[in-house]
Amino acid sequence: MSNSFLQSAEWEEFQHSVGRKTFRVDGVLLIKRPLGFGRSYFYIPRIDIRYLILDINNFLHKIEVLAQKEKVIFLRWEPVEQYPISNIPALPAGRQYPIYKVADVQPSKTILLDLKKTAEELLTDMHSKTRYNIRLAEKKGVTVREAGVTEFETFWELMKETTGRDGFRAHDKEYYKKMLSLTPSPLSQRARGYDELQIKLFFTAYEGKILAAGIFVFYGDTMTYLHGASTPEHKEVMAPYALHWQMIKFAKQQEYARYDFYGIDEKKWPGVTRFKKGFGGEEVKYPGCYDIVFSKGWYKVYKLSRGLKRIF
């Protein structure tokens, strides 16, 4: 298993395009994010530390030295594996970093489909209602295609409609536009290197009307469903089911090993979670997100400022 696309060179390039400063420590991507009072924090998006880091204490010490130069007060980290991050041993001279469990940045639960299975096996593993809706969409003639470079506005209108209707938080328009501009070439075959990232937009249509859209990430052995949007028009043709089934089959054709639905949460997104679970697959839970504190005093200022924002 390779590391997440969030550690790729292309994702780092994207971070630069949206104005964020980045660093690499022992090959691991750190993204610098401002806190608003002259200080910042480092964020390590999802990483399997067993994959790159041999000495965790030495790794953290290197980051602390860099943090002092960059006025960074803590490291926010989302490990992939169940590493005992809350029990990192003390550094030389008895130094130990305070560590706090915090709210997730990336979803801590997902569903992974094993694409080594045949299409028939994947269908069998699905909930009967999901299979029915896929076949209904096929009978209705729902189509899925890759969006052209000039069709971004169509996606953005769908995204605004989705967030307004469902109360989801979305990034701003330029964020999505720059994300989709990373790899503009058509994805007709896996011509690029296996570990090079591509991000593509796909549309689902019925009788010429775009009903759903999905942003998909192609990286390593995994295709990931990153963002989605839809309209309630023609709900009866089950466009979202058609989108995922066609993309699952496409991922198999391109010889990806896994299809990642990326985020489920029964409490925060009950409807979306129920929809994704209908496709079967394995539920995966990551350890969550942690703050590793380099400056206790400034961290208290940060926590106080967050508390005041909630009050006012």
C-alpha atoms as a PDB file:
ATOM      1  CA  MET A   1       0.000   0.000   0.000  1.00  0.00           C
ATOM      2  CA  SER A   2       1.422   3.369  -1.020  1.00  0.00           C
ATOM      3  CA  ASN A   3       0.924   6.598   0.850  1.00  0.00           C
ATOM      4  CA  SER A   4      -2.107   8.787   0.267  1.00  0.00           C
ATOM      5  CA  PHE A   5      -2.330  11.142  -2.700  1.00  0.00           C
ATOM      6  CA  LEU A   6      -2.230  13.873  -0.025  1.00  0.00           C
ATOM      7  CA  GLN A   7       1.516  13.185   0.214  1.00  0.00           C
ATOM      8  CA  SER A   8       2.174  13.364  -3.544  1.00  0.00           C
ATOM      9  CA  ALA A   9       4.313  15.913  -5.363  1.00  0.00           C
ATOM     10  CA  GLU A  10       1.273  17.036  -7.343  1.00  0.00           C
ATOM     11  CA  TRP A  11      -0.732  17.677  -4.184  1.00  0.00           C
ATOM     12  CA  GLU A  12       2.168  19.749  -2.890  1.00  0.00           C
ATOM     13  CA  GLU A  13       2.114  21.710  -6.156  1.00  0.00           C
ATOM     14  CA  PHE A  14      -1.609  22.290  -5.645  1.00  0.00           C
ATOM     15  CA  GLN A  15      -0.975  23.604  -2.118  1.00  0.00           C
ATOM     16  CA  HIS A  16       1.444  26.143  -3.571  1.00  0.00           C
ATOM     17  CA  SER A  17      -1.169  27.208  -6.113  1.00  0.00           C
ATOM     18  CA  VAL A  18      -3.623  28.111  -3.315  1.00  0.00           C
ATOM     19  CA  GLY A  19      -0.973  30.115  -1.458  1.00  0.00           C
ATOM     20  CA  ARG A  20       0.302  27.638   1.125  1.00  0.00           C
ATOM     21  CA  LYS A  21       3.944  27.138   2.022  1.00  0.00           C
ATOM     22  CA  THR A  22       5.189  23.548   2.195  1.00  0.00           C
ATOM     23  CA  PHE A  23       8.212  21.641   3.458  1.00  0.00           C
ATOM     24  CA  ARG A  24       9.531  18.092   3.228  1.00  0.00           C
ATOM     25  CA  VAL A  25      11.078  16.420   6.273  1.00  0.00           C
ATOM     26  CA  ASP A  26      12.439  12.905   5.661  1.00  0.00           C
ATOM     27  CA  GLY A  27      10.293  12.876   2.524  1.00  0.00           C
ATOM     28  CA  VAL A  28       7.075  13.684   4.405  1.00  0.00           C
ATOM     29  CA  LEU A  29       4.959  16.629   3.253  1.00  0.00           C
ATOM     30  CA  LEU A  30       4.277  19.386   5.801  1.00  0.00           C
ATOM     31  CA  ILE A  31       1.804  22.140   4.929  1.00  0.00           C
ATOM     32  CA  LYS A  32       2.076  25.422   6.817  1.00  0.00           C
ATOM     33  CA  ARG A  33      -1.261  26.949   7.795  1.00  0.00           C
ATOM     34  CA  PRO A  34      -1.810  30.306   9.531  1.00  0.00           C
ATOM     35  CA  LEU A  35      -3.583  30.649  12.869  1.00  0.00           C
ATOM     36  CA  GLY A  36      -4.285  34.385  12.687  1.00  0.00           C
ATOM     37  CA  PHE A  37      -2.157  35.871  15.505  1.00  0.00           C
ATOM     38  CA  GLY A  38       1.330  35.818  14.036  1.00  0.00           C
ATOM     39  CA  ARG A  39       1.721  32.076  14.459  1.00  0.00           C
ATOM     40  CA  SER A  40       1.046  29.015  12.320  1.00  0.00           C
ATOM     41  CA  TYR A  41       0.888  25.241  12.508  1.00  0.00           C
ATOM     42  CA  PHE A  42       2.229  22.413  10.372  1.00  0.00           C
ATOM     43  CA  TYR A  43      -0.218  19.899   8.961  1.00  0.00           C
ATOM     44  CA  ILE A  44       0.804  16.414   7.836  1.00  0.00           C
ATOM     45  CA  PRO A  45      -2.013  14.970   5.735  1.00  0.00           C
ATOM     46  CA  ARG A  46      -2.560  11.249   5.920  1.00  0.00           C
ATOM     47  CA  ILE A  47       0.739   9.362   6.121  1.00  0.00           C
ATOM     48  CA  ASP A  48       1.868   5.843   6.942  1.00  0.00           C
ATOM     49  CA  ILE A  49       4.882   6.649   9.092  1.00  0.00           C
ATOM     50  CA  ARG A  50       6.130   3.076   8.878  1.00  0.00           C
ATOM     51  CA  TYR A  51       6.512   3.675   5.151  1.00  0.00           C
ATOM     52  CA  LEU A  52       8.992   6.560   5.448  1.00  0.00           C
ATOM     53  CA  ILE A  53      10.011   7.276   9.031  1.00  0.00           C
ATOM     54  CA  LEU A  54      12.496   5.049  10.848  1.00  0.00           C
ATOM     55  CA  ASP A  55      13.154   7.195  13.912  1.00  0.00           C
ATOM     56  CA  ILE A  56      10.022   9.001  15.100  1.00  0.00           C
ATOM     57  CA  ASN A  57      11.830  11.031  17.761  1.00  0.00           C
ATOM     58  CA  ASN A  58      14.481  12.285  15.357  1.00  0.00           C
ATOM     59  CA  PHE A  59      11.738  13.092  12.850  1.00  0.00           C
ATOM     60  CA  LEU A  60       9.813  15.206  15.382  1.00  0.00           C
ATOM     61  CA  HIS A  61      12.984  16.937  16.513  1.00  0.00           C
ATOM     62  CA  LYS A  62      13.716  18.026  12.910  1.00  0.00           C
ATOM     63  CA  ILE A  63      10.187  19.418  12.647  1.00  0.00           C
ATOM     64  CA  GLU A  64      10.540  21.269  15.962  1.00  0.00           C
ATOM     65  CA  VAL A  65      13.737  22.980  14.738  1.00  0.00           C
ATOM     66  CA  LEU A  66      11.924  24.029  11.564  1.00  0.00           C
ATOM     67  CA  ALA A  67       8.888  25.118  13.610  1.00  0.00           C
ATOM     68  CA  GLN A  68      10.996  27.564  15.608  1.00  0.00           C
ATOM     69  CA  LYS A  69      12.174  29.229  12.397  1.00  0.00           C
ATOM     70  CA  GLU A  70       8.660  29.379  10.945  1.00  0.00           C
ATOM     71  CA  LYS A  71       6.826  30.504  14.129  1.00  0.00           C
ATOM     72  CA  VAL A  72       4.893  27.239  14.184  1.00  0.00           C
ATOM     73  CA  ILE A  73       3.452  26.174  17.528  1.00  0.00           C
ATOM     74  CA  PHE A  74       2.216  22.633  16.839  1.00  0.00           C
ATOM     75  CA  LEU A  75       2.073  19.809  14.339  1.00  0.00           C
ATOM     76  CA  ARG A  76      -1.330  18.499  13.274  1.00  0.00           C
ATOM     77  CA  TRP A  77      -0.956  14.920  12.112  1.00  0.00           C
ATOM     78  CA  GLU A  78      -3.267  12.283  10.651  1.00  0.00           C
ATOM     79  CA  PRO A  79      -1.550   8.877  10.650  1.00  0.00           C
ATOM     80  CA  VAL A  80      -2.876   6.065   8.504  1.00  0.00           C
ATOM     81  CA  GLU A  81      -2.100   3.132  10.753  1.00  0.00           C
ATOM     82  CA  GLN A  82      -2.861   2.417  14.378  1.00  0.00           C
ATOM     83  CA  TYR A  83       0.537   3.672  15.501  1.00  0.00           C
ATOM     84  CA  PRO A  84       0.648   4.458  19.249  1.00  0.00           C
ATOM     85  CA  ILE A  85       1.062   8.152  18.556  1.00  0.00           C
ATOM     86  CA  SER A  86      -0.276   9.103  21.975  1.00  0.00           C
ATOM     87  CA  ASN A  87       2.635   7.233  23.553  1.00  0.00           C
ATOM     88  CA  ILE A  88       5.598   8.549  21.589  1.00  0.00           C
ATOM     89  CA  PRO A  89       8.636   7.886  23.769  1.00  0.00           C
ATOM     90  CA  ALA A  90      10.566  10.735  25.349  1.00  0.00           C
ATOM     91  CA  LEU A  91      13.321  12.411  23.359  1.00  0.00           C
ATOM     92  CA  PRO A  92      16.909  12.550  24.613  1.00  0.00           C
ATOM     93  CA  ALA A  93      17.276  14.683  27.761  1.00  0.00           C
ATOM     94  CA  GLY A  94      13.796  13.620  28.855  1.00  0.00           C
ATOM     95  CA  ARG A  95      11.870  15.878  26.435  1.00  0.00           C
ATOM     96  CA  GLN A  96       8.355  14.774  25.562  1.00  0.00           C
ATOM     97  CA  TYR A  97       5.760  16.584  23.453  1.00  0.00           C
ATOM     98  CA  PRO A  98       2.205  17.121  24.715  1.00  0.00           C
ATOM     99  CA  ILE A  99      -0.187  15.342  22.346  1.00  0.00           C
ATOM    100  CA  TYR A 100      -3.920  16.008  22.025  1.00  0.00           C
ATOM    101  CA  LYS A 101      -6.633  14.243  20.034  1.00  0.00           C
ATOM    102  CA  VAL A 102      -8.481  16.847  17.942  1.00  0.00           C
ATOM    103  CA  ALA A 103     -11.242  16.995  15.331  1.00  0.00           C
ATOM    104  CA  ASP A 104     -10.480  15.294  12.031  1.00  0.00           C
ATOM    105  CA  VAL A 105      -9.294  17.263   9.006  1.00  0.00           C
ATOM    106  CA  GLN A 106      -9.766  14.360   6.600  1.00  0.00           C
ATOM    107  CA  PRO A 107     -12.573  11.858   7.259  1.00  0.00           C
ATOM    108  CA  SER A 108     -11.427   9.195   9.723  1.00  0.00           C
ATOM    109  CA  LYS A 109     -13.712   6.503   8.266  1.00  0.00           C
ATOM    110  CA  THR A 110     -14.100   5.354   4.697  1.00  0.00           C
ATOM    111  CA  ILE A 111     -15.231   2.443   2.533  1.00  0.00           C
ATOM    112  CA  LEU A 112     -12.803   0.643   0.224  1.00  0.00           C
ATOM    113  CA  LEU A 113     -13.865  -1.606  -2.626  1.00  0.00           C
ATOM    114  CA  ASP A 114     -11.550  -4.429  -3.680  1.00  0.00           C
ATOM    115  CA  LEU A 115     -11.308  -4.032  -7.447  1.00  0.00           C
ATOM    116  CA  LYS A 116      -9.600  -7.383  -7.864  1.00  0.00           C
ATOM    117  CA  LYS A 117     -13.114  -8.808  -7.629  1.00  0.00           C
ATOM    118  CA  THR A 118     -15.112  -9.251 -10.816  1.00  0.00           C
ATOM    119  CA  ALA A 119     -17.937  -6.866 -11.670  1.00  0.00           C
ATOM    120  CA  GLU A 120     -20.399  -9.655 -10.875  1.00  0.00           C
ATOM    121  CA  GLU A 121     -18.825 -10.188  -7.447  1.00  0.00           C
ATOM    122  CA  LEU A 122     -18.940  -6.471  -6.699  1.00  0.00           C
ATOM    123  CA  LEU A 123     -22.614  -6.340  -7.619  1.00  0.00           C
ATOM    124  CA  THR A 124     -23.345  -9.369  -5.436  1.00  0.00           C
ATOM    125  CA  ASP A 125     -21.675  -7.659  -2.452  1.00  0.00           C
ATOM    126  CA  MET A 126     -23.899  -4.592  -2.809  1.00  0.00           C
ATOM    127  CA  HIS A 127     -27.170  -3.955  -1.014  1.00  0.00           C
ATOM    128  CA  SER A 128     -30.081  -5.176  -3.136  1.00  0.00           C
ATOM    129  CA  LYS A 129     -31.502  -1.648  -3.388  1.00  0.00           C
ATOM    130  CA  THR A 130     -28.174  -0.347  -4.716  1.00  0.00           C
ATOM    131  CA  ARG A 131     -28.093  -3.066  -7.401  1.00  0.00           C
ATOM    132  CA  TYR A 132     -31.676  -2.231  -8.328  1.00  0.00           C
ATOM    133  CA  ASN A 133     -30.917   1.492  -8.642  1.00  0.00           C
ATOM    134  CA  ILE A 134     -27.837   0.827 -10.798  1.00  0.00           C
ATOM    135  CA  ARG A 135     -29.870  -1.284 -13.191  1.00  0.00           C
ATOM    136  CA  LEU A 136     -32.669   1.277 -13.213  1.00  0.00           C
ATOM    137  CA  ALA A 137     -30.214   4.028 -14.186  1.00  0.00           C
ATOM    138  CA  GLU A 138     -28.886   1.828 -16.988  1.00  0.00           C
ATOM    139  CA  LYS A 139     -32.416   1.197 -18.315  1.00  0.00           C
ATOM    140  CA  LYS A 140     -33.152   4.935 -18.199  1.00  0.00           C
ATOM    141  CA  GLY A 141     -30.076   5.644 -20.323  1.00  0.00           C
ATOM    142  CA  VAL A 142     -28.132   7.661 -17.732  1.00  0.00           C
ATOM    143  CA  THR A 143     -24.635   8.393 -19.061  1.00  0.00           C
ATOM    144  CA  VAL A 144     -21.284   9.211 -17.436  1.00  0.00           C
ATOM    145  CA  ARG A 145     -18.457  11.089 -19.123  1.00  0.00           C
ATOM    146  CA  GLU A 146     -15.331  13.045 -18.312  1.00  0.00           C
ATOM    147  CA  ALA A 147     -16.012  16.800 -18.234  1.00  0.00           C
ATOM    148  CA  GLY A 148     -14.223  19.139 -20.609  1.00  0.00           C
ATOM    149  CA  VAL A 149     -11.917  21.917 -19.468  1.00  0.00           C
ATOM    150  CA  THR A 150     -14.540  24.539 -20.350  1.00  0.00           C
ATOM    151  CA  GLU A 151     -17.284  22.954 -18.205  1.00  0.00           C
ATOM    152  CA  PHE A 152     -16.100  24.011 -14.774  1.00  0.00           C
ATOM    153  CA  GLU A 153     -18.944  26.516 -14.310  1.00  0.00           C
ATOM    154  CA  THR A 154     -21.478  23.706 -14.661  1.00  0.00           C
ATOM    155  CA  PHE A 155     -19.800  21.852 -11.820  1.00  0.00           C
ATOM    156  CA  TRP A 156     -19.645  24.976  -9.680  1.00  0.00           C
ATOM    157  CA  GLU A 157     -23.351  25.660 -10.083  1.00  0.00           C
ATOM    158  CA  LEU A 158     -24.067  22.075  -8.996  1.00  0.00           C
ATOM    159  CA  MET A 159     -21.743  22.460  -6.011  1.00  0.00           C
ATOM    160  CA  LYS A 160     -23.460  25.670  -4.872  1.00  0.00           C
ATOM    161  CA  GLU A 161     -26.834  23.961  -5.174  1.00  0.00           C
ATOM    162  CA  THR A 162     -25.620  20.952  -3.169  1.00  0.00           C
ATOM    163  CA  THR A 163     -24.091  22.941  -0.312  1.00  0.00           C
ATOM    164  CA  GLY A 164     -27.130  25.198  -0.085  1.00  0.00           C
ATOM    165  CA  ARG A 165     -29.501  22.236   0.004  1.00  0.00           C
ATOM    166  CA  ASP A 166     -27.615  19.816   2.234  1.00  0.00           C
ATOM    167  CA  GLY A 167     -25.654  22.177   4.456  1.00  0.00           C
ATOM    168  CA  PHE A 168     -22.266  20.774   3.457  1.00  0.00           C
ATOM    169  CA  ARG A 169     -19.194  22.941   3.769  1.00  0.00           C
ATOM    170  CA  ALA A 170     -17.364  23.467   0.498  1.00  0.00           C
ATOM    171  CA  HIS A 171     -14.133  25.086  -0.588  1.00  0.00           C
ATOM    172  CA  ASP A 172     -14.259  28.318  -2.539  1.00  0.00           C
ATOM    173  CA  LYS A 173     -14.530  28.396  -6.316  1.00  0.00           C
ATOM    174  CA  GLU A 174     -10.840  29.036  -6.987  1.00  0.00           C
ATOM    175  CA  TYR A 175      -9.838  26.069  -4.842  1.00  0.00           C
ATOM    176  CA  TYR A 176     -11.734  23.623  -7.062  1.00  0.00           C
ATOM    177  CA  LYS A 177     -10.659  25.382 -10.247  1.00  0.00           C
ATOM    178  CA  LYS A 178      -6.969  25.140  -9.350  1.00  0.00           C
ATOM    179  CA  MET A 179      -7.359  21.549  -8.215  1.00  0.00           C
ATOM    180  CA  LEU A 180      -8.848  20.546 -11.554  1.00  0.00           C
ATOM    181  CA  SER A 181      -6.203  22.467 -13.503  1.00  0.00           C
ATOM    182  CA  LEU A 182      -3.379  20.273 -12.172  1.00  0.00           C
ATOM    183  CA  THR A 183      -3.669  17.579 -14.837  1.00  0.00           C
ATOM    184  CA  PRO A 184      -5.713  18.770 -17.822  1.00  0.00           C
ATOM    185  CA  SER A 185      -4.795  15.944 -20.226  1.00  0.00           C
ATOM    186  CA  PRO A 186      -7.478  13.321 -21.029  1.00  0.00           C
ATOM    187  CA  LEU A 187      -7.401  10.183 -18.902  1.00  0.00           C
ATOM    188  CA  SER A 188      -7.954   7.661 -21.670  1.00  0.00           C
ATOM    189  CA  GLN A 189      -5.264   5.316 -20.434  1.00  0.00           C
ATOM    190  CA  ARG A 190      -2.712   5.035 -17.640  1.00  0.00           C
ATOM    191  CA  ALA A 191       0.087   6.591 -19.681  1.00  0.00           C
ATOM    192  CA  ARG A 192       1.666   8.470 -16.796  1.00  0.00           C
ATOM    193  CA  GLY A 193       3.785   7.034 -14.004  1.00  0.00           C
ATOM    194  CA  TYR A 194       1.987   4.787 -11.529  1.00  0.00           C
ATOM    195  CA  ASP A 195       2.556   7.147  -8.605  1.00  0.00           C
ATOM    196  CA  GLU A 196       1.749  10.369 -10.432  1.00  0.00           C
ATOM    197  CA  LEU A 197      -1.503  11.987  -9.387  1.00  0.00           C
ATOM    198  CA  GLN A 198      -4.339  12.992 -11.662  1.00  0.00           C
ATOM    199  CA  ILE A 199      -7.575  14.720 -10.637  1.00  0.00           C
ATOM    200  CA  LYS A 200     -10.540  14.536 -12.982  1.00  0.00           C
ATOM    201  CA  LEU A 201     -14.127  15.769 -13.105  1.00  0.00           C
ATOM    202  CA  PHE A 202     -16.902  13.484 -14.375  1.00  0.00           C
ATOM    203  CA  PHE A 203     -20.531  14.322 -15.180  1.00  0.00           C
ATOM    204  CA  THR A 204     -23.652  12.160 -15.086  1.00  0.00           C
ATOM    205  CA  ALA A 205     -26.410  13.165 -17.506  1.00  0.00           C
ATOM    206  CA  TYR A 206     -29.950  12.223 -18.443  1.00  0.00           C
ATOM    207  CA  GLU A 207     -31.630  13.494 -21.616  1.00  0.00           C
ATOM    208  CA  GLY A 208     -28.893  16.094 -21.997  1.00  0.00           C
ATOM    209  CA  LYS A 209     -29.224  17.448 -18.449  1.00  0.00           C
ATOM    210  CA  ILE A 210     -26.248  17.236 -16.056  1.00  0.00           C
ATOM    211  CA  LEU A 211     -27.594  15.719 -12.822  1.00  0.00           C
ATOM    212  CA  ALA A 212     -24.471  14.801 -10.829  1.00  0.00           C
ATOM    213  CA  ALA A 213     -20.748  15.438 -10.824  1.00  0.00           C
ATOM    214  CA  GLY A 214     -17.773  13.879  -9.100  1.00  0.00           C
ATOM    215  CA  ILE A 215     -14.141  14.831  -8.656  1.00  0.00           C
ATOM    216  CA  PHE A 216     -11.966  11.729  -8.687  1.00  0.00           C
ATOM    217  CA  VAL A 217      -8.324  11.270  -7.753  1.00  0.00           C
ATOM    218  CA  PHE A 218      -6.151   8.709  -9.534  1.00  0.00           C
ATOM    219  CA  TYR A 219      -3.009   7.855  -7.598  1.00  0.00           C
ATOM    220  CA  GLY A 220      -0.938   4.788  -6.825  1.00  0.00           C
ATOM    221  CA  ASP A 221      -3.185   1.743  -6.679  1.00  0.00           C
ATOM    222  CA  THR A 222      -6.342   3.671  -5.748  1.00  0.00           C
ATOM    223  CA  MET A 223      -9.082   5.719  -7.379  1.00  0.00           C
ATOM    224  CA  THR A 224     -10.662   8.062  -4.821  1.00  0.00           C
ATOM    225  CA  TYR A 225     -14.027   9.834  -4.913  1.00  0.00           C
ATOM    226  CA  LEU A 226     -13.011  13.185  -3.446  1.00  0.00           C
ATOM    227  CA  HIS A 227     -15.914  15.617  -3.970  1.00  0.00           C
ATOM    228  CA  GLY A 228     -19.415  15.335  -5.357  1.00  0.00           C
ATOM    229  CA  ALA A 229     -22.381  17.490  -6.276  1.00  0.00           C
ATOM    230  CA  SER A 230     -25.875  16.867  -7.616  1.00  0.00           C
ATOM    231  CA  THR A 231     -29.295  18.308  -8.356  1.00  0.00           C
ATOM    232  CA  PRO A 232     -32.595  16.807  -7.116  1.00  0.00           C
ATOM    233  CA  GLU A 233     -33.988  17.019 -10.644  1.00  0.00           C
ATOM    234  CA  HIS A 234     -34.916  13.618 -12.104  1.00  0.00           C
ATOM    235  CA  LYS A 235     -34.166  11.809  -8.859  1.00  0.00           C
ATOM    236  CA  GLU A 236     -36.108   8.888 -10.258  1.00  0.00           C
ATOM    237  CA  VAL A 237     -33.290   7.977 -12.707  1.00  0.00           C
ATOM    238  CA  MET A 238     -30.735   7.393  -9.886  1.00  0.00           C
ATOM    239  CA  ALA A 239     -27.884   9.375 -11.452  1.00  0.00           C
ATOM    240  CA  PRO A 240     -25.482   9.138  -8.441  1.00  0.00           C
ATOM    241  CA  TYR A 241     -25.666   5.324  -8.567  1.00  0.00           C
ATOM    242  CA  ALA A 242     -24.801   5.392 -12.258  1.00  0.00           C
ATOM    243  CA  LEU A 243     -21.865   7.707 -11.586  1.00  0.00           C
ATOM    244  CA  HIS A 244     -20.224   5.419  -9.038  1.00  0.00           C
ATOM    245  CA  TRP A 245     -20.882   2.178 -10.859  1.00  0.00           C
ATOM    246  CA  GLN A 246     -19.412   3.500 -14.102  1.00  0.00           C
ATOM    247  CA  MET A 247     -16.393   4.891 -12.237  1.00  0.00           C
ATOM    248  CA  ILE A 248     -15.882   1.591 -10.408  1.00  0.00           C
ATOM    249  CA  LYS A 249     -15.852  -0.240 -13.737  1.00  0.00           C
ATOM    250  CA  PHE A 250     -13.534   2.390 -15.209  1.00  0.00           C
ATOM    251  CA  ALA A 251     -11.132   1.981 -12.274  1.00  0.00           C
ATOM    252  CA  LYS A 252     -11.074  -1.771 -12.902  1.00  0.00           C
ATOM    253  CA  GLN A 253     -10.349  -1.209 -16.600  1.00  0.00           C
ATOM    254  CA  GLN A 254      -7.440   1.057 -15.649  1.00  0.00           C
ATOM    255  CA  GLU A 255      -6.155  -1.692 -13.308  1.00  0.00           C
ATOM    256  CA  TYR A 256      -6.535   0.158 -10.033  1.00  0.00           C
ATOM    257  CA  ALA A 257      -6.687  -2.138  -7.010  1.00  0.00           C
ATOM    258  CA  ARG A 258      -9.062  -0.142  -4.828  1.00  0.00           C
ATOM    259  CA  TYR A 259     -11.946   2.322  -5.031  1.00  0.00           C
ATOM    260  CA  ASP A 260     -12.065   4.693  -2.073  1.00  0.00           C
ATOM    261  CA  PHE A 261     -15.366   6.401  -1.198  1.00  0.00           C
ATOM    262  CA  TYR A 262     -13.211   8.635   1.028  1.00  0.00           C
ATOM    263  CA  GLY A 263     -15.542   9.605   3.855  1.00  0.00           C
ATOM    264  CA  ILE A 264     -18.419   8.182   5.870  1.00  0.00           C
ATOM    265  CA  ASP A 265     -19.886   9.333   9.174  1.00  0.00           C
ATOM    266  CA  GLU A 266     -23.238   8.113  10.428  1.00  0.00           C
ATOM    267  CA  LYS A 267     -23.777  11.172  12.619  1.00  0.00           C
ATOM    268  CA  LYS A 268     -22.548  13.986  10.372  1.00  0.00           C
ATOM    269  CA  TRP A 269     -23.586  12.582   6.982  1.00  0.00           C
ATOM    270  CA  PRO A 270     -26.239   9.888   7.548  1.00  0.00           C
ATOM    271  CA  GLY A 271     -27.708  10.009   4.044  1.00  0.00           C
ATOM    272  CA  VAL A 272     -24.369  10.029   2.233  1.00  0.00           C
ATOM    273  CA  THR A 273     -23.048   7.290   4.515  1.00  0.00           C
ATOM    274  CA  ARG A 274     -26.070   5.078   3.873  1.00  0.00           C
ATOM    275  CA  PHE A 275     -25.659   5.638   0.120  1.00  0.00           C
ATOM    276  CA  LYS A 276     -21.957   4.693   0.130  1.00  0.00           C
ATOM    277  CA  LYS A 277     -22.452   1.667   2.360  1.00  0.00           C
ATOM    278  CA  GLY A 278     -24.916   0.319  -0.173  1.00  0.00           C
ATOM    279  CA  PHE A 279     -22.013  -0.423  -2.532  1.00  0.00           C
ATOM    280  CA  GLY A 280     -20.523  -2.942  -0.102  1.00  0.00           C
ATOM    281  CA  GLY A 281     -16.782  -2.970   0.498  1.00  0.00           C
ATOM    282  CA  GLU A 282     -14.684  -2.810   3.631  1.00  0.00           C
ATOM    283  CA  GLU A 283     -15.167  -0.139   6.251  1.00  0.00           C
ATOM    284  CA  VAL A 284     -11.816   1.323   7.325  1.00  0.00           C
ATOM    285  CA  LYS A 285     -11.250   3.480  10.383  1.00  0.00           C
ATOM    286  CA  TYR A 286      -8.116   5.593  10.731  1.00  0.00           C
ATOM    287  CA  PRO A 287      -6.693   6.609  14.128  1.00  0.00           C
ATOM    288  CA  GLY A 288      -7.844  10.225  13.777  1.00  0.00           C
ATOM    289  CA  CYS A 289      -6.092  13.569  14.080  1.00  0.00           C
ATOM    290  CA  TYR A 290      -3.560  14.686  16.699  1.00  0.00           C
ATOM    291  CA  ASP A 291      -1.845  17.918  17.704  1.00  0.00           C
ATOM    292  CA  ILE A 292       1.775  17.471  18.757  1.00  0.00           C
ATOM    293  CA  VAL A 293       2.678  20.654  20.641  1.00  0.00           C
ATOM    294  CA  PHE A 294       6.059  22.386  20.424  1.00  0.00           C
ATOM    295  CA  SER A 295       5.098  25.563  22.342  1.00  0.00           C
ATOM    296  CA  LYS A 296       2.785  25.033  25.317  1.00  0.00           C
ATOM    297  CA  GLY A 297       2.299  28.760  25.926  1.00  0.00           C
ATOM    298  CA  TRP A 298       1.318  29.605  22.373  1.00  0.00           C
ATOM    299  CA  TYR A 299      -0.900  26.516  22.213  1.00  0.00           C
ATOM    300  CA  LYS A 300      -2.855  27.864  25.190  1.00  0.00           C
ATOM    301  CA  VAL A 301      -3.262  31.171  23.310  1.00  0.00           C
ATOM    302  CA  TYR A 302      -4.517  29.241  20.293  1.00  0.00           C
ATOM    303  CA  LYS A 303      -7.053  27.258  22.335  1.00  0.00           C
ATOM    304  CA  LEU A 304      -8.236  30.429  24.078  1.00  0.00           C
ATOM    305  CA  SER A 305      -8.720  32.220  20.762  1.00  0.00           C
ATOM    306  CA  ARG A 306     -10.785  29.303  19.432  1.00  0.00           C
ATOM    307  CA  GLY A 307     -12.955  29.400  22.537  1.00  0.00           C
ATOM    308  CA  LEU A 308     -13.556  33.133  22.142  1.00  0.00           C
ATOM    309  CA  LYS A 309     -14.533  32.679  18.477  1.00  0.00           C
ATOM    310  CA  ARG A 310     -17.174  30.139  19.505  1.00  0.00           C
ATOM    311  CA  ILE A 311     -18.609  32.595  22.043  1.00  0.00           C
ATOM    312  CA  PHE A 312     -18.717  35.569  19.688  1.00  0.00           C
END
